[in-house]
Amino acid sequence: MKPLIDRIQYYARKANQYGRSRYDYFVGRSAKKPPANRHARLMAYKAAVHRRYLGI
């Protein structure tokens, strides 16, 4: 099983990538639109990591 810190780092890295791609799309630096369900998937992963941290 991966350590919790690795899971938190993964979430932070992916959330930053999503934010960066979303910003680039809105300011016109990129024509590629970020996936519509990416935010929901990131929030589900964050909730799962939090539940694991709490031991629920």
Protein backbone atom coordinates (compact mmCIF):
# COMPACT_ATOMS: atom_id res chain seq x y z
CA MET A 1 0.00 0.00 0.00
CA LYS A 2 1.25 3.48 -0.85
CA PRO A 3 2.03 5.83 2.03
CA LEU A 4 -0.48 8.60 2.63
CA ILE A 5 2.02 11.33 1.77
CA ASP A 6 2.44 9.86 -1.74
CA ARG A 7 -1.32 9.99 -2.25
CA ILE A 8 -1.46 13.61 -1.06
CA GLN A 9 1.41 14.56 -3.38
CA TYR A 10 -0.37 12.86 -6.30
CA TYR A 11 -3.58 14.79 -5.58
CA ALA A 12 -1.72 18.10 -5.30
CA ARG A 13 0.18 17.48 -8.54
CA LYS A 14 -2.97 16.59 -10.48
CA ALA A 15 -4.97 19.48 -9.00
CA ASN A 16 -2.20 21.90 -10.05
CA GLN A 17 -2.10 20.43 -13.55
CA TYR A 18 -5.87 20.80 -13.85
CA GLY A 19 -5.78 24.39 -12.61
CA ARG A 20 -2.97 25.27 -14.98
CA SER A 21 -4.72 23.73 -18.00
CA ARG A 22 -8.02 25.39 -17.06
CA TYR A 23 -6.33 28.79 -16.74
CA ASP A 24 -4.50 28.35 -20.05
CA TYR A 25 -7.79 27.50 -21.76
CA PHE A 26 -9.58 30.54 -20.33
CA VAL A 27 -6.86 33.04 -21.27
CA GLY A 28 -6.55 31.55 -24.76
CA ARG A 29 -3.10 29.99 -24.50
CA SER A 30 -4.53 26.58 -25.27
CA ALA A 31 -7.36 25.46 -27.52
CA LYS A 32 -7.70 22.16 -25.67
CA LYS A 33 -10.54 22.26 -23.13
CA PRO A 34 -9.91 20.39 -19.85
CA PRO A 35 -12.17 17.37 -19.20
CA ALA A 36 -15.56 18.39 -17.82
CA ASN A 37 -15.58 15.73 -15.11
CA ARG A 38 -11.98 16.21 -13.95
CA HIS A 39 -12.92 18.45 -11.02
CA ALA A 40 -15.46 15.92 -9.72
CA ARG A 41 -12.92 13.09 -10.01
CA LEU A 42 -10.28 15.10 -8.15
CA MET A 43 -12.74 15.93 -5.36
CA ALA A 44 -13.72 12.25 -5.08
CA TYR A 45 -10.05 11.27 -4.81
CA LYS A 46 -9.47 13.98 -2.20
CA ALA A 47 -12.42 12.72 -0.15
CA ALA A 48 -11.15 9.14 -0.36
CA VAL A 49 -7.68 10.18 0.82
CA HIS A 50 -9.25 12.14 3.66
CA ARG A 51 -11.35 9.13 4.72
CA ARG A 52 -8.22 6.97 4.67
CA TYR A 53 -6.40 9.55 6.80
CA LEU A 54 -9.21 9.56 9.35
CA GLY A 55 -9.38 5.78 9.31
CA ILE A 56 -13.06 5.63 8.37
